[in-house]
Amino acid sequence: MILEINGKKMDLACQTAFEARKQFGNETDIVIVNGFQIMNDCQLSENAVLTIIRKGTMPKMEELESMMMARHTPDVHKRVKEGKVAIAGLGGLGSNLAVMLARIGVGQLLLVDFDIVEPSNLNRQSYYISHLGMSKTTALHKQIKEINPFIKVETQNVKVTEGNILNLFNGYDIICEAFDQPESKSMLVNGALSQLANVKIVSASGMAGYESSNSIQTVRPMKRLYVCGDMETAAEIGRGLMAPRVQICAGHQANMVLRLLLGIEDI
């Protein structure tokens, strides 16, 4: 029977998934059959795709690729891996968003920020004590390599201006706007829409405080622009930016990126 085990085609006599696991792994290894993790043994069919995950070991590149594909299903994983996504601003939104995109296996990420990690960032941003004083681009790049060392990551430790938008983001499919200030948001969105003919932008507005998470949504105000948030709740005295709503909004942005990479554009 022809089976694909961890990304390699093989002709094996195995009839069940656990027979294959016994041949290539241990009883404690996780087994994924055609995208679904099984708890009980099952019969295999011709050209079944198995992923056998050895706990506690670093897989080879092709094995990790097979594992990601098994979780996401092959067609989904292929499309996501081909994606090129830029993130402008690596604060509460951008840092969490970048981690989510790394976990879903986006093939190429561009991280853009000019700031360093400082203590007040730790309440909502994806950084740790060990990152204090590092540039955010460096700290986030390190995290992503710990998640998936085979993703291509480009960093630009610069401030985004209207004059460098084209040079920074040309060649990327999607730009994620993750700035704090309304003026910076507007500058990037308007500049990218006018200078980059085919790029799609996933922006954010309104995620401060601790109002209901259900008020955060994703809308499409223009053909190539998607905005996530409640569209009104800004940070102010007595209403700061806190991890839960910021991360929920970042999750909306990440899910919109995924939908765009898969060709699903209708909200």
Protein backbone atom coordinates (compact mmCIF):
# COMPACT_ATOMS: atom_id res chain seq x y z
CA MET A 1 0.00 0.00 0.00
CA ILE A 2 1.30 3.46 -0.93
CA LEU A 3 1.31 5.78 2.08
CA GLU A 4 2.78 9.20 2.77
CA ILE A 5 4.58 9.25 6.11
CA ASN A 6 5.88 12.62 7.35
CA GLY A 7 6.06 13.98 3.83
CA LYS A 8 7.60 10.91 2.14
CA LYS A 9 5.81 8.43 -0.15
CA MET A 10 6.41 4.82 0.82
CA ASP A 11 5.16 1.37 -0.21
CA LEU A 12 4.35 -0.38 3.07
CA ALA A 13 2.55 -3.48 4.26
CA CYS A 14 0.83 -1.57 7.08
CA GLN A 15 -2.95 -1.83 7.17
CA THR A 16 -3.66 0.45 10.13
CA ALA A 17 -2.35 3.76 11.44
CA PHE A 18 -0.93 2.30 14.63
CA GLU A 19 0.92 -0.38 12.64
CA ALA A 20 2.62 2.47 10.79
CA ARG A 21 3.38 4.23 14.06
CA LYS A 22 4.93 1.08 15.47
CA GLN A 23 7.23 0.90 12.45
CA PHE A 24 8.29 4.56 12.47
CA GLY A 25 7.80 5.78 16.02
CA ASN A 26 6.76 5.03 19.57
CA GLU A 27 3.44 4.31 21.27
CA THR A 28 3.44 7.80 22.80
CA ASP A 29 3.77 9.55 19.41
CA ILE A 30 0.85 11.56 18.05
CA VAL A 31 -0.69 10.22 14.84
CA ILE A 32 -2.54 12.43 12.38
CA VAL A 33 -4.37 10.72 9.50
CA ASN A 34 -5.48 12.87 6.56
CA GLY A 35 -5.52 16.00 8.73
CA PHE A 36 -7.22 14.50 11.80
CA GLN A 37 -5.51 13.45 15.03
CA ILE A 38 -6.68 9.97 15.97
CA MET A 39 -7.00 8.51 19.46
CA ASN A 40 -7.95 5.00 18.35
CA ASP A 41 -6.44 2.87 15.61
CA CYS A 42 -8.04 3.00 12.16
CA GLN A 43 -7.76 1.27 8.81
CA LEU A 44 -5.70 2.99 6.12
CA SER A 45 -6.57 3.44 2.48
CA GLU A 46 -4.28 3.83 -0.53
CA ASN A 47 -2.39 7.17 -0.56
CA ALA A 48 -3.38 8.02 3.01
CA VAL A 49 -1.31 10.84 4.52
CA LEU A 50 0.08 10.13 7.99
CA THR A 51 2.01 12.41 10.26
CA ILE A 52 3.78 10.79 13.19
CA ILE A 53 4.88 13.42 15.70
CA ARG A 54 7.68 12.40 17.99
CA LYS A 55 7.24 14.19 21.28
CA GLY A 56 10.15 16.20 22.63
CA THR A 57 12.30 16.22 19.49
CA MET A 58 12.99 18.87 16.87
CA PRO A 59 11.69 17.62 13.51
CA LYS A 60 13.50 18.07 10.24
CA MET A 61 12.21 20.75 7.90
CA GLU A 62 10.24 18.34 5.71
CA GLU A 63 8.76 16.64 8.78
CA LEU A 64 7.62 19.93 10.31
CA GLU A 65 6.18 20.90 6.95
CA SER A 66 4.26 17.64 6.88
CA MET A 67 2.97 18.23 10.41
CA MET A 68 1.76 21.73 9.57
CA MET A 69 0.12 20.43 6.42
CA ALA A 70 -1.57 17.65 8.36
CA ARG A 71 -3.09 20.16 10.78
CA HIS A 72 -4.18 22.68 8.17
CA THR A 73 -4.98 20.24 5.30
CA PRO A 74 -2.69 20.25 2.24
CA ASP A 75 -4.49 22.81 0.06
CA VAL A 76 -4.89 25.32 2.89
CA HIS A 77 -1.29 24.93 3.99
CA LYS A 78 0.05 25.34 0.46
CA ARG A 79 -1.80 28.62 -0.04
CA VAL A 80 -0.78 30.00 3.34
CA LYS A 81 2.84 29.02 2.82
CA GLU A 82 2.89 30.98 -0.45
CA GLY A 83 1.64 34.12 1.30
CA LYS A 84 3.73 37.24 1.81
CA VAL A 85 2.47 39.42 4.63
CA ALA A 86 3.90 42.65 6.05
CA ILE A 87 3.19 43.93 9.56
CA ALA A 88 3.68 47.64 10.19
CA GLY A 89 3.97 48.31 13.91
CA LEU A 90 5.00 45.61 16.38
CA GLY A 91 3.14 46.69 19.51
CA GLY A 92 0.09 45.05 21.06
CA LEU A 93 -1.56 44.34 17.74
CA GLY A 94 1.45 43.70 15.55
CA SER A 95 3.45 41.47 17.89
CA ASN A 96 0.51 39.19 18.67
CA LEU A 97 -0.56 39.20 15.03
CA ALA A 98 2.93 38.18 13.89
CA VAL A 99 2.96 35.23 16.30
CA MET A 100 -0.43 34.04 15.03
CA LEU A 101 0.66 34.29 11.41
CA ALA A 102 3.83 32.37 12.21
CA ARG A 103 1.77 29.63 13.85
CA ILE A 104 -0.46 29.22 10.79
CA GLY A 105 2.65 28.96 8.61
CA VAL A 106 2.62 32.13 6.48
CA GLY A 107 5.65 31.62 4.27
CA GLN A 108 7.15 35.11 4.36
CA LEU A 109 6.73 37.85 6.95
CA LEU A 110 8.01 41.42 6.95
CA LEU A 111 8.30 43.01 10.42
CA VAL A 112 8.53 46.81 10.49
CA ASP A 113 9.07 48.96 13.60
CA PHE A 114 11.66 51.45 14.85
CA ASP A 115 11.05 51.11 18.61
CA ILE A 116 12.60 49.05 21.40
CA VAL A 117 10.91 46.81 23.97
CA GLU A 118 10.31 48.62 27.26
CA PRO A 119 8.54 47.61 30.51
CA SER A 120 5.15 49.18 29.77
CA ASN A 121 4.87 46.96 26.69
CA LEU A 122 4.64 43.80 28.79
CA ASN A 123 0.96 44.25 29.71
CA ARG A 124 -0.29 43.41 26.20
CA GLN A 125 2.56 42.87 23.74
CA SER A 126 4.21 39.55 22.88
CA TYR A 127 7.50 40.28 24.62
CA TYR A 128 9.24 39.10 27.78
CA ILE A 129 11.58 40.47 30.43
CA SER A 130 14.51 39.02 28.49
CA HIS A 131 13.57 41.22 25.50
CA LEU A 132 13.78 44.56 27.35
CA GLY A 133 16.06 46.97 25.51
CA MET A 134 16.01 44.93 22.27
CA SER A 135 14.59 46.37 19.09
CA LYS A 136 11.09 45.02 18.61
CA THR A 137 12.05 43.64 15.22
CA THR A 138 14.87 41.59 16.77
CA ALA A 139 12.82 40.35 19.73
CA LEU A 140 9.89 39.30 17.57
CA HIS A 141 12.15 37.65 14.99
CA LYS A 142 13.63 35.54 17.79
CA GLN A 143 10.16 34.45 18.93
CA ILE A 144 9.08 33.49 15.43
CA LYS A 145 12.19 31.38 14.93
CA GLU A 146 11.28 29.53 18.13
CA ILE A 147 7.84 28.80 16.66
CA ASN A 148 8.87 27.88 13.12
CA PRO A 149 12.51 28.30 12.11
CA PHE A 150 11.68 27.62 8.46
CA ILE A 151 9.55 30.73 7.89
CA LYS A 152 11.28 33.49 5.94
CA VAL A 153 11.36 36.63 8.05
CA GLU A 154 12.53 40.05 6.90
CA THR A 155 12.92 42.93 9.35
CA GLN A 156 13.08 46.67 8.80
CA ASN A 157 14.02 48.74 11.85
CA VAL A 158 12.69 52.01 10.43
CA LYS A 159 9.78 54.41 10.85
CA VAL A 160 7.16 54.14 8.12
CA THR A 161 6.62 57.37 6.22
CA GLU A 162 4.63 58.26 3.13
CA GLY A 163 7.92 58.41 1.25
CA ASN A 164 9.13 54.87 2.02
CA ILE A 165 5.86 52.91 1.75
CA LEU A 166 6.55 51.74 -1.80
CA ASN A 167 10.10 50.58 -1.09
CA LEU A 168 9.17 48.84 2.16
CA PHE A 169 6.05 46.96 1.13
CA ASN A 170 6.36 46.39 -2.61
CA GLY A 171 6.07 42.66 -3.35
CA TYR A 172 3.89 41.80 -0.35
CA ASP A 173 0.32 40.54 -0.81
CA ILE A 174 -1.10 41.99 2.40
CA ILE A 175 -0.11 44.82 4.72
CA CYS A 176 -1.30 44.68 8.33
CA GLU A 177 -1.58 48.15 9.84
CA ALA A 178 -0.88 47.97 13.58
CA PHE A 179 -0.04 51.53 14.62
CA ASP A 180 -1.23 53.37 17.74
CA GLN A 181 -1.80 56.86 16.37
CA PRO A 182 -4.73 57.69 14.03
CA GLU A 183 -2.50 59.91 11.90
CA SER A 184 -0.04 57.09 11.29
CA LYS A 185 -2.86 54.67 10.50
CA SER A 186 -4.35 57.04 7.95
CA MET A 187 -0.96 57.77 6.38
CA LEU A 188 -0.17 54.09 5.83
CA VAL A 189 -3.62 53.10 4.61
CA ASN A 190 -3.97 55.99 2.16
CA GLY A 191 -0.37 55.73 1.00
CA ALA A 192 -0.47 51.98 0.44
CA LEU A 193 -3.81 52.09 -1.41
CA SER A 194 -2.52 54.80 -3.74
CA GLN A 195 1.03 53.53 -4.28
CA LEU A 196 0.55 49.74 -4.37
CA ALA A 197 -2.06 48.73 -6.91
CA ASN A 198 -2.81 45.16 -5.82
CA VAL A 199 -2.01 45.10 -2.11
CA LYS A 200 -4.74 44.41 0.45
CA ILE A 201 -4.67 46.17 3.82
CA VAL A 202 -5.91 44.80 7.12
CA SER A 203 -6.19 47.68 9.57
CA ALA A 204 -7.55 48.12 13.10
CA SER A 205 -9.52 50.70 15.03
CA GLY A 206 -11.03 50.57 18.51
CA MET A 207 -9.81 47.90 20.94
CA ALA A 208 -9.02 49.79 24.15
CA GLY A 209 -10.44 49.13 27.60
CA TYR A 210 -12.60 46.24 28.72
CA GLU A 211 -15.89 46.60 26.88
CA SER A 212 -17.56 43.48 25.51
CA SER A 213 -15.36 41.45 23.22
CA ASN A 214 -18.43 40.87 21.06
CA SER A 215 -18.29 44.47 19.83
CA ILE A 216 -15.04 43.77 17.98
CA GLN A 217 -15.73 42.85 14.38
CA THR A 218 -14.24 42.94 10.89
CA VAL A 219 -15.67 45.23 8.22
CA ARG A 220 -14.77 45.99 4.62
CA PRO A 221 -15.20 49.74 3.95
CA MET A 222 -13.35 49.60 0.63
CA LYS A 223 -12.47 46.96 -1.96
CA ARG A 224 -8.90 46.42 -0.71
CA LEU A 225 -9.31 47.60 2.89
CA TYR A 226 -10.47 45.57 5.89
CA VAL A 227 -10.78 47.08 9.37
CA CYS A 228 -10.95 45.16 12.65
CA GLY A 229 -12.13 46.52 16.00
CA ASP A 230 -15.18 48.24 17.44
CA MET A 231 -14.34 51.39 15.41
CA GLU A 232 -14.74 53.75 18.39
CA THR A 233 -13.10 52.74 21.69
CA ALA A 234 -9.81 54.64 21.80
CA ALA A 235 -7.30 54.65 24.66
CA GLU A 236 -7.66 57.58 27.05
CA ILE A 237 -7.21 58.42 30.74
CA GLY A 238 -8.97 55.71 32.72
CA ARG A 239 -9.29 53.42 29.69
CA GLY A 240 -6.01 51.91 28.65
CA LEU A 241 -4.95 49.26 26.20
CA MET A 242 -5.22 45.85 27.82
CA ALA A 243 -4.25 42.39 26.64
CA PRO A 244 -7.67 40.73 26.16
CA ARG A 245 -9.32 43.12 23.69
CA VAL A 246 -6.03 43.94 21.97
CA GLN A 247 -5.38 40.24 21.36
CA ILE A 248 -8.97 39.65 20.23
CA CYS A 249 -8.54 42.42 17.66
CA ALA A 250 -5.19 40.97 16.59
CA GLY A 251 -6.96 37.63 16.19
CA HIS A 252 -9.51 39.26 13.91
CA GLN A 253 -6.68 40.67 11.81
CA ALA A 254 -4.91 37.31 11.63
CA ASN A 255 -8.10 35.52 10.63
CA MET A 256 -8.78 38.12 7.93
CA VAL A 257 -5.26 37.60 6.59
CA LEU A 258 -5.91 33.86 6.49
CA ARG A 259 -9.19 34.36 4.63
CA LEU A 260 -7.51 36.63 2.10
CA LEU A 261 -4.67 34.18 1.49
CA LEU A 262 -7.28 31.49 0.88
CA GLY A 263 -9.18 33.71 -1.55
CA ILE A 264 -12.16 34.24 0.77
CA GLU A 265 -12.85 37.96 0.61
CA ASP A 266 -16.52 38.26 1.51
CA ILE A 267 -17.19 39.06 5.16
